Amino acid sequence: MIKTFKQLVEAAKKKRGIIVGVPAAADRTTILTVIQAKREGLADFILSGERSKIAETITACGGKPADFEILETAGEDEAAMALVNLARAGKIKVMLKGHLPTASLMKPVLDKEKGLRTGNLLSDILVVENPRKEPEGLLGMTDGGLNILPDRQQKKQIIENAVQVFHQLGYSCPHIGILAAIETVKEAMPATVDAAELTAMNQRGEISGCKVYGPLALDIAVSREAAIHKGIASEVAGNVHVLVVPNIESGNILGKSFTYYLKIPVAHVVMGAKIPVLIPSRNESDIDKFHSVALGAVIAEG
C-alpha cells in the first residue's frame, strides 16, 4: 500500500516503458516538471508545440533538449491532437497537460472517432497525503475537475474510477465517503438522496471493490471522534480513503483549499480514457505536476 508521495515516486521509478506526452510544453513550470521526472527515472517524454521555444525553455531551466523528443506543431489544437494520435497508436502511456486550457486538451481526447474514449465517464481524482493522518495513507477527492453536476449513474462511475486508482495504489477495499451537508436523507437536498442510493448500490454489489457510505458531512467523513459523537455506525465514517463531492464547485473549492490553505502537495489524474490524463491547473507548481506524473506512471499500463 502506497501511503506517501515519496513511496508513490519510488513506485513510479520501478515502472518501465512509460512515455508521457505533453502538448503545448513551452512553459517553465511544465518543463521543470519533465526535467525532474526524466532525471529521476519516472518516465520519458514526447513534447509537442513550437520546437524552438520548447528547446529554449528546456535550456533556460537547466535541462538538455536532446533528452526529449520534440514534435513541431502549429497551435494548441494541433499540439494536443498529435499526441492523442500517438496515444491511440500505443506510443504514449500518459498525457500531461502543458500550458493550454483543459478544454483544448479534452476536446481531442473526447473525440468520438479519433479520441481516447472507452465508453466510460471521465472523471478527475485528486490525491493528497491525508492531512489528519487518520487513517494513515493517501486521501482522494473526486470530482472537482470535469463533471459539473453528475447524476446518480455518473456518480457511480466516478466512484468506480476512484476505486480503480486506489486499487492501483494498493488499497484493496478503499472506503468511499459520499459528501453532503448532513447525514440524513432529505428530498430537498438531492445530494443526500443520491448518497443513500449509492450506499445501497454498494450493499447490493452494484458498486464493488470498496465500501461506500453516505450521506456524510465533511467532519463526519474525516473525523472518527465526530462520527462517534453523532452516533454514525459505519466503518467508513471517520475513516475515508476517498471523498466524493456532489458537484464540481464543491470539489474545486475543497481541492484548492489543500493547496492554498493547507499548503500541501497534491496530485491528480483523469480516469476513464484509454490512458491516464493529467490536467493540473496552469497555476499549479512543478512539484504538484511532478507528483501527478508519478501518479499517472503508477496507474498506467507498462
Protein backbone atom coordinates (compact mmCIF):
# COMPACT_ATOMS: atom_id res chain seq x y z
CA MET A 1 0.00 0.00 0.00
CA ILE A 2 1.38 3.42 -1.01
CA LYS A 3 0.94 5.80 1.92
CA THR A 4 3.13 8.80 0.99
CA PHE A 5 4.16 10.74 -2.09
CA LYS A 6 7.73 9.56 -1.50
CA GLN A 7 6.52 5.98 -1.83
CA LEU A 8 4.47 6.99 -4.89
CA VAL A 9 7.60 8.36 -6.59
CA GLU A 10 9.58 5.23 -5.75
CA ALA A 11 6.80 3.05 -7.19
CA ALA A 12 6.80 5.12 -10.38
CA LYS A 13 10.56 4.62 -10.77
CA LYS A 14 10.02 0.85 -10.85
CA LYS A 15 7.73 1.06 -13.87
CA ARG A 16 9.30 0.56 -17.29
CA GLY A 17 8.35 1.89 -20.69
CA ILE A 18 6.25 4.82 -19.51
CA ILE A 19 6.21 7.60 -22.08
CA VAL A 20 4.34 10.80 -21.23
CA GLY A 21 3.02 13.12 -23.93
CA VAL A 22 2.96 16.85 -23.16
CA PRO A 23 1.12 19.17 -25.56
CA ALA A 24 1.96 22.90 -25.57
CA ALA A 25 5.05 22.18 -23.49
CA ALA A 26 6.81 25.55 -23.83
CA ASP A 27 6.02 26.58 -20.27
CA ARG A 28 8.56 26.94 -17.47
CA THR A 29 6.60 25.05 -14.80
CA THR A 30 5.83 22.20 -17.18
CA ILE A 31 9.44 21.97 -18.34
CA LEU A 32 10.75 21.97 -14.76
CA THR A 33 8.39 19.05 -14.14
CA VAL A 34 9.52 16.96 -17.10
CA ILE A 35 13.22 17.66 -16.45
CA GLN A 36 12.93 16.45 -12.85
CA ALA A 37 10.79 13.45 -13.80
CA LYS A 38 13.25 12.48 -16.55
CA ARG A 39 16.25 12.84 -14.24
CA GLU A 40 14.63 10.72 -11.53
CA GLY A 41 13.64 8.00 -13.99
CA LEU A 42 9.87 8.30 -13.71
CA ALA A 43 9.24 8.42 -17.45
CA ASP A 44 10.39 9.50 -20.87
CA PHE A 45 8.63 12.37 -22.63
CA ILE A 46 7.38 13.45 -26.03
CA LEU A 47 6.75 17.19 -26.14
CA SER A 48 4.70 18.99 -28.78
CA GLY A 49 4.47 22.65 -29.71
CA GLU A 50 6.87 25.22 -31.13
CA ARG A 51 10.17 23.35 -31.15
CA SER A 52 12.44 26.40 -30.76
CA LYS A 53 10.51 27.74 -27.77
CA ILE A 54 10.40 24.34 -26.09
CA ALA A 55 14.15 23.82 -26.57
CA GLU A 56 14.86 27.34 -25.34
CA THR A 57 12.77 26.78 -22.21
CA ILE A 58 14.45 23.44 -21.51
CA THR A 59 17.87 25.07 -21.72
CA ALA A 60 16.81 28.00 -19.54
CA CYS A 61 15.58 25.53 -16.90
CA GLY A 62 18.88 23.70 -16.81
CA GLY A 63 17.95 20.76 -18.99
CA LYS A 64 19.11 19.37 -22.32
CA PRO A 65 16.75 19.48 -25.32
CA ALA A 66 18.43 16.32 -26.66
CA ASP A 67 16.94 14.38 -23.72
CA PHE A 68 13.44 14.85 -25.13
CA GLU A 69 11.62 14.06 -28.33
CA ILE A 70 10.05 17.31 -29.56
CA LEU A 71 7.30 17.43 -32.18
CA GLU A 72 6.89 20.64 -34.14
CA THR A 73 3.19 21.56 -34.23
CA ALA A 74 1.27 24.72 -35.06
CA GLY A 75 -1.04 25.89 -32.29
CA GLU A 76 -2.62 24.27 -29.24
CA ASP A 77 -5.16 22.15 -31.11
CA GLU A 78 -2.55 20.53 -33.34
CA ALA A 79 -0.21 20.02 -30.37
CA ALA A 80 -2.90 18.13 -28.47
CA MET A 81 -4.15 16.13 -31.48
CA ALA A 82 -0.66 14.97 -32.43
CA LEU A 83 -0.18 13.37 -29.02
CA VAL A 84 -3.69 11.90 -28.91
CA ASN A 85 -2.82 10.16 -32.19
CA LEU A 86 0.36 8.74 -30.63
CA ALA A 87 -1.65 7.58 -27.61
CA ARG A 88 -4.11 5.78 -29.90
CA ALA A 89 -1.13 4.06 -31.51
CA GLY A 90 0.10 2.91 -28.09
CA LYS A 91 3.24 5.07 -28.14
CA ILE A 92 2.18 7.24 -25.18
CA LYS A 93 1.04 5.80 -21.83
CA VAL A 94 0.14 9.06 -20.03
CA MET A 95 -0.88 12.56 -21.14
CA LEU A 96 0.19 15.66 -19.18
CA LYS A 97 -1.45 18.98 -19.96
CA GLY A 98 1.05 21.72 -20.77
CA HIS A 99 0.26 25.43 -20.99
CA LEU A 100 -3.15 25.21 -22.63
CA PRO A 101 -6.74 25.27 -21.38
CA THR A 102 -8.13 21.96 -20.17
CA ALA A 103 -10.87 22.18 -22.81
CA SER A 104 -8.26 22.37 -25.58
CA LEU A 105 -6.75 19.08 -24.43
CA MET A 106 -10.00 17.30 -23.61
CA LYS A 107 -11.63 18.11 -26.98
CA PRO A 108 -9.38 15.72 -28.97
CA VAL A 109 -9.28 13.24 -26.07
CA LEU A 110 -13.10 13.06 -26.15
CA ASP A 111 -13.44 12.98 -29.94
CA LYS A 112 -15.82 10.10 -30.68
CA GLU A 113 -13.90 8.88 -33.73
CA LYS A 114 -10.27 9.92 -33.21
CA GLY A 115 -10.02 10.36 -29.43
CA LEU A 116 -9.33 8.20 -26.41
CA ARG A 117 -12.86 7.31 -25.32
CA THR A 118 -13.57 3.90 -23.81
CA GLY A 119 -17.30 4.24 -23.23
CA ASN A 120 -16.70 5.13 -19.58
CA LEU A 121 -17.27 8.51 -17.95
CA LEU A 122 -14.09 10.53 -17.49
CA SER A 123 -13.52 11.97 -14.02
CA ASP A 124 -10.71 13.64 -12.10
CA ILE A 125 -9.32 12.17 -8.89
CA LEU A 126 -7.21 14.43 -6.67
CA VAL A 127 -4.82 12.74 -4.24
CA VAL A 128 -3.06 14.13 -1.14
CA GLU A 129 -1.31 12.71 1.87
CA ASN A 130 -4.11 12.54 4.46
CA PRO A 131 -3.80 15.83 6.42
CA ARG A 132 -5.35 14.20 9.53
CA LYS A 133 -3.06 11.13 9.40
CA GLU A 134 -6.06 9.03 10.43
CA PRO A 135 -6.18 6.74 8.63
CA GLU A 136 -2.53 6.95 7.65
CA GLY A 137 -2.10 6.98 3.92
CA LEU A 138 -3.36 8.78 0.86
CA LEU A 139 -6.69 10.61 0.60
CA GLY A 140 -8.60 11.04 -2.65
CA MET A 141 -11.24 13.56 -3.67
CA THR A 142 -13.45 13.43 -6.76
CA ASP A 143 -14.67 15.07 -8.97
CA GLY A 144 -13.60 18.70 -8.86
CA GLY A 145 -12.32 18.90 -12.40
CA LEU A 146 -14.66 17.63 -15.10
CA ASN A 147 -18.25 16.71 -14.21
CA ILE A 148 -20.33 19.76 -13.37
CA LEU A 149 -23.42 18.26 -11.70
CA PRO A 150 -23.24 14.47 -12.04
CA ASP A 151 -26.38 12.41 -11.72
CA ARG A 152 -26.54 9.18 -9.74
CA GLN A 153 -25.29 6.90 -12.50
CA GLN A 154 -22.46 9.30 -13.26
CA LYS A 155 -21.53 9.34 -9.57
CA LYS A 156 -21.39 5.56 -9.71
CA GLN A 157 -18.83 5.77 -12.50
CA ILE A 158 -16.93 8.50 -10.65
CA ILE A 159 -16.67 6.14 -7.68
CA GLU A 160 -15.54 3.28 -9.91
CA ASN A 161 -12.80 5.43 -11.45
CA ALA A 162 -11.55 6.42 -7.99
CA VAL A 163 -11.64 2.81 -6.82
CA GLN A 164 -9.53 1.82 -9.81
CA VAL A 165 -6.91 4.41 -8.81
CA PHE A 166 -6.83 3.32 -5.19
CA HIS A 167 -6.61 -0.35 -6.12
CA GLN A 168 -3.53 0.52 -8.18
CA LEU A 169 -2.14 2.31 -5.12
CA GLY A 170 -2.55 -0.86 -3.07
CA TYR A 171 -5.83 -0.18 -1.22
CA SER A 172 -7.71 -3.46 -1.61
CA CYS A 173 -11.05 -2.14 -0.33
CA PRO A 174 -11.00 1.67 -0.18
CA HIS A 175 -13.59 3.46 1.95
CA ILE A 176 -15.66 5.87 -0.15
CA GLY A 177 -17.47 8.68 1.67
CA ILE A 178 -20.30 10.41 -0.23
CA LEU A 179 -20.33 14.03 0.91
CA ALA A 180 -23.34 16.20 1.60
CA ALA A 181 -24.20 18.88 4.16
CA ILE A 182 -25.89 16.48 6.58
CA GLU A 183 -26.01 12.77 7.44
CA THR A 184 -29.75 12.28 6.97
CA VAL A 185 -31.74 11.94 3.76
CA LYS A 186 -33.89 14.91 2.76
CA GLU A 187 -35.73 15.09 -0.53
CA ALA A 188 -35.00 18.81 -0.71
CA MET A 189 -31.27 18.00 -0.77
CA PRO A 190 -30.70 15.73 -3.79
CA ALA A 191 -27.09 15.01 -2.80
CA THR A 192 -28.34 13.17 0.29
CA VAL A 193 -30.78 11.07 -1.76
CA ASP A 194 -28.03 10.11 -4.21
CA ALA A 195 -25.66 9.28 -1.36
CA ALA A 196 -28.13 6.92 0.27
CA GLU A 197 -28.86 5.15 -3.01
CA LEU A 198 -25.13 4.81 -3.84
CA THR A 199 -24.65 3.25 -0.41
CA ALA A 200 -27.47 0.80 -1.18
CA MET A 201 -25.97 0.04 -4.60
CA ASN A 202 -22.70 -0.89 -2.91
CA GLN A 203 -24.54 -3.14 -0.46
CA ARG A 204 -26.29 -4.86 -3.38
CA GLY A 205 -22.98 -5.45 -5.13
CA GLU A 206 -23.65 -2.98 -7.94
CA ILE A 207 -20.58 -0.99 -6.89
CA SER A 208 -17.80 -3.39 -5.96
CA GLY A 209 -14.23 -3.41 -4.67
CA CYS A 210 -14.91 -0.80 -1.99
CA LYS A 211 -17.07 0.24 0.97
CA VAL A 212 -19.44 3.12 0.22
CA TYR A 213 -21.34 5.17 2.79
CA GLY A 214 -23.29 8.39 2.72
CA PRO A 215 -24.58 10.93 3.12
CA LEU A 216 -21.73 12.26 5.25
CA ALA A 217 -20.87 15.82 6.17
CA LEU A 218 -17.15 16.51 5.87
CA ASP A 219 -16.48 16.40 9.62
CA ILE A 220 -18.17 13.00 9.98
CA ALA A 221 -16.32 11.67 6.93
CA VAL A 222 -12.84 12.56 8.17
CA SER A 223 -13.13 12.50 11.99
CA ARG A 224 -13.81 9.26 13.84
CA GLU A 225 -14.48 11.24 17.01
CA ALA A 226 -17.14 13.34 15.25
CA ALA A 227 -18.74 10.21 13.80
CA ILE A 228 -18.93 8.52 17.22
CA HIS A 229 -20.27 11.70 18.81
CA LYS A 230 -23.10 11.81 16.25
CA GLY A 231 -23.78 8.09 16.54
CA ILE A 232 -22.94 7.24 12.92
CA ALA A 233 -22.39 3.48 12.86
CA SER A 234 -20.29 2.90 9.75
CA GLU A 235 -16.72 1.72 9.25
CA VAL A 236 -16.40 4.37 6.54
CA ALA A 237 -17.34 7.35 8.74
CA GLY A 238 -14.20 8.99 10.07
CA ASN A 239 -12.13 6.50 8.10
CA VAL A 240 -12.42 7.53 4.45
CA HIS A 241 -9.90 6.99 1.67
CA VAL A 242 -11.90 8.85 -1.00
CA LEU A 243 -14.29 11.79 -0.67
CA VAL A 244 -16.96 12.06 -3.37
CA VAL A 245 -18.30 15.60 -3.72
CA PRO A 246 -21.80 16.42 -5.01
CA ASN A 247 -20.73 18.88 -7.74
CA ILE A 248 -17.75 20.49 -9.43
CA GLU A 249 -17.95 23.70 -7.38
CA SER A 250 -17.56 21.92 -4.05
CA GLY A 251 -14.78 19.74 -5.43
CA ASN A 252 -12.91 22.68 -6.92
CA ILE A 253 -13.12 24.64 -3.66
CA LEU A 254 -12.11 21.68 -1.49
CA GLY A 255 -9.23 20.76 -3.79
CA LYS A 256 -7.79 24.26 -3.92
CA SER A 257 -8.07 24.58 -0.13
CA PHE A 258 -5.46 21.82 0.15
CA THR A 259 -3.05 23.95 -1.88
CA TYR A 260 -3.83 27.48 -0.75
CA TYR A 261 -4.72 26.95 2.91
CA LEU A 262 -3.06 23.71 3.99
CA LYS A 263 -0.06 24.27 1.66
CA ILE A 264 0.29 20.55 0.99
CA PRO A 265 1.31 18.85 -2.27
CA VAL A 266 -1.39 17.39 -4.47
CA ALA A 267 -1.55 15.09 -7.47
CA HIS A 268 -4.45 14.26 -9.71
CA VAL A 269 -5.38 12.10 -12.64
CA VAL A 270 -8.31 11.79 -15.03
CA MET A 271 -9.54 8.22 -15.41
CA GLY A 272 -11.98 6.72 -17.90
CA ALA A 273 -9.94 7.27 -21.09
CA LYS A 274 -7.62 4.76 -22.75
CA ILE A 275 -4.70 6.24 -20.81
CA PRO A 276 -4.41 8.36 -17.65
CA VAL A 277 -4.74 12.06 -18.45
CA LEU A 278 -3.20 14.66 -16.16
CA ILE A 279 -4.88 18.07 -16.17
CA PRO A 280 -3.21 20.11 -13.42
CA SER A 281 -4.14 23.77 -13.27
CA ARG A 282 -1.74 26.02 -15.12
CA ASN A 283 -1.21 27.72 -11.74
CA GLU A 284 -0.03 24.50 -10.05
CA SER A 285 3.60 24.17 -9.04
CA ASP A 286 6.12 21.96 -10.77
CA ILE A 287 6.17 19.89 -7.55
CA ASP A 288 2.46 19.12 -7.83
CA LYS A 289 2.80 18.34 -11.53
CA PHE A 290 5.75 16.07 -10.75
CA HIS A 291 3.62 14.13 -8.29
CA SER A 292 0.85 13.91 -10.90
CA VAL A 293 3.35 12.40 -13.33
CA ALA A 294 4.31 9.86 -10.64
CA LEU A 295 0.63 9.05 -10.07
CA GLY A 296 -0.01 8.65 -13.78
CA ALA A 297 3.03 6.43 -14.21
CA VAL A 298 1.97 4.13 -11.37
CA ILE A 299 -1.55 3.78 -12.78
CA ALA A 300 -0.56 3.46 -16.45
CA GLU A 301 -0.19 0.14 -18.18
CA GLY A 302 3.54 -0.55 -18.58
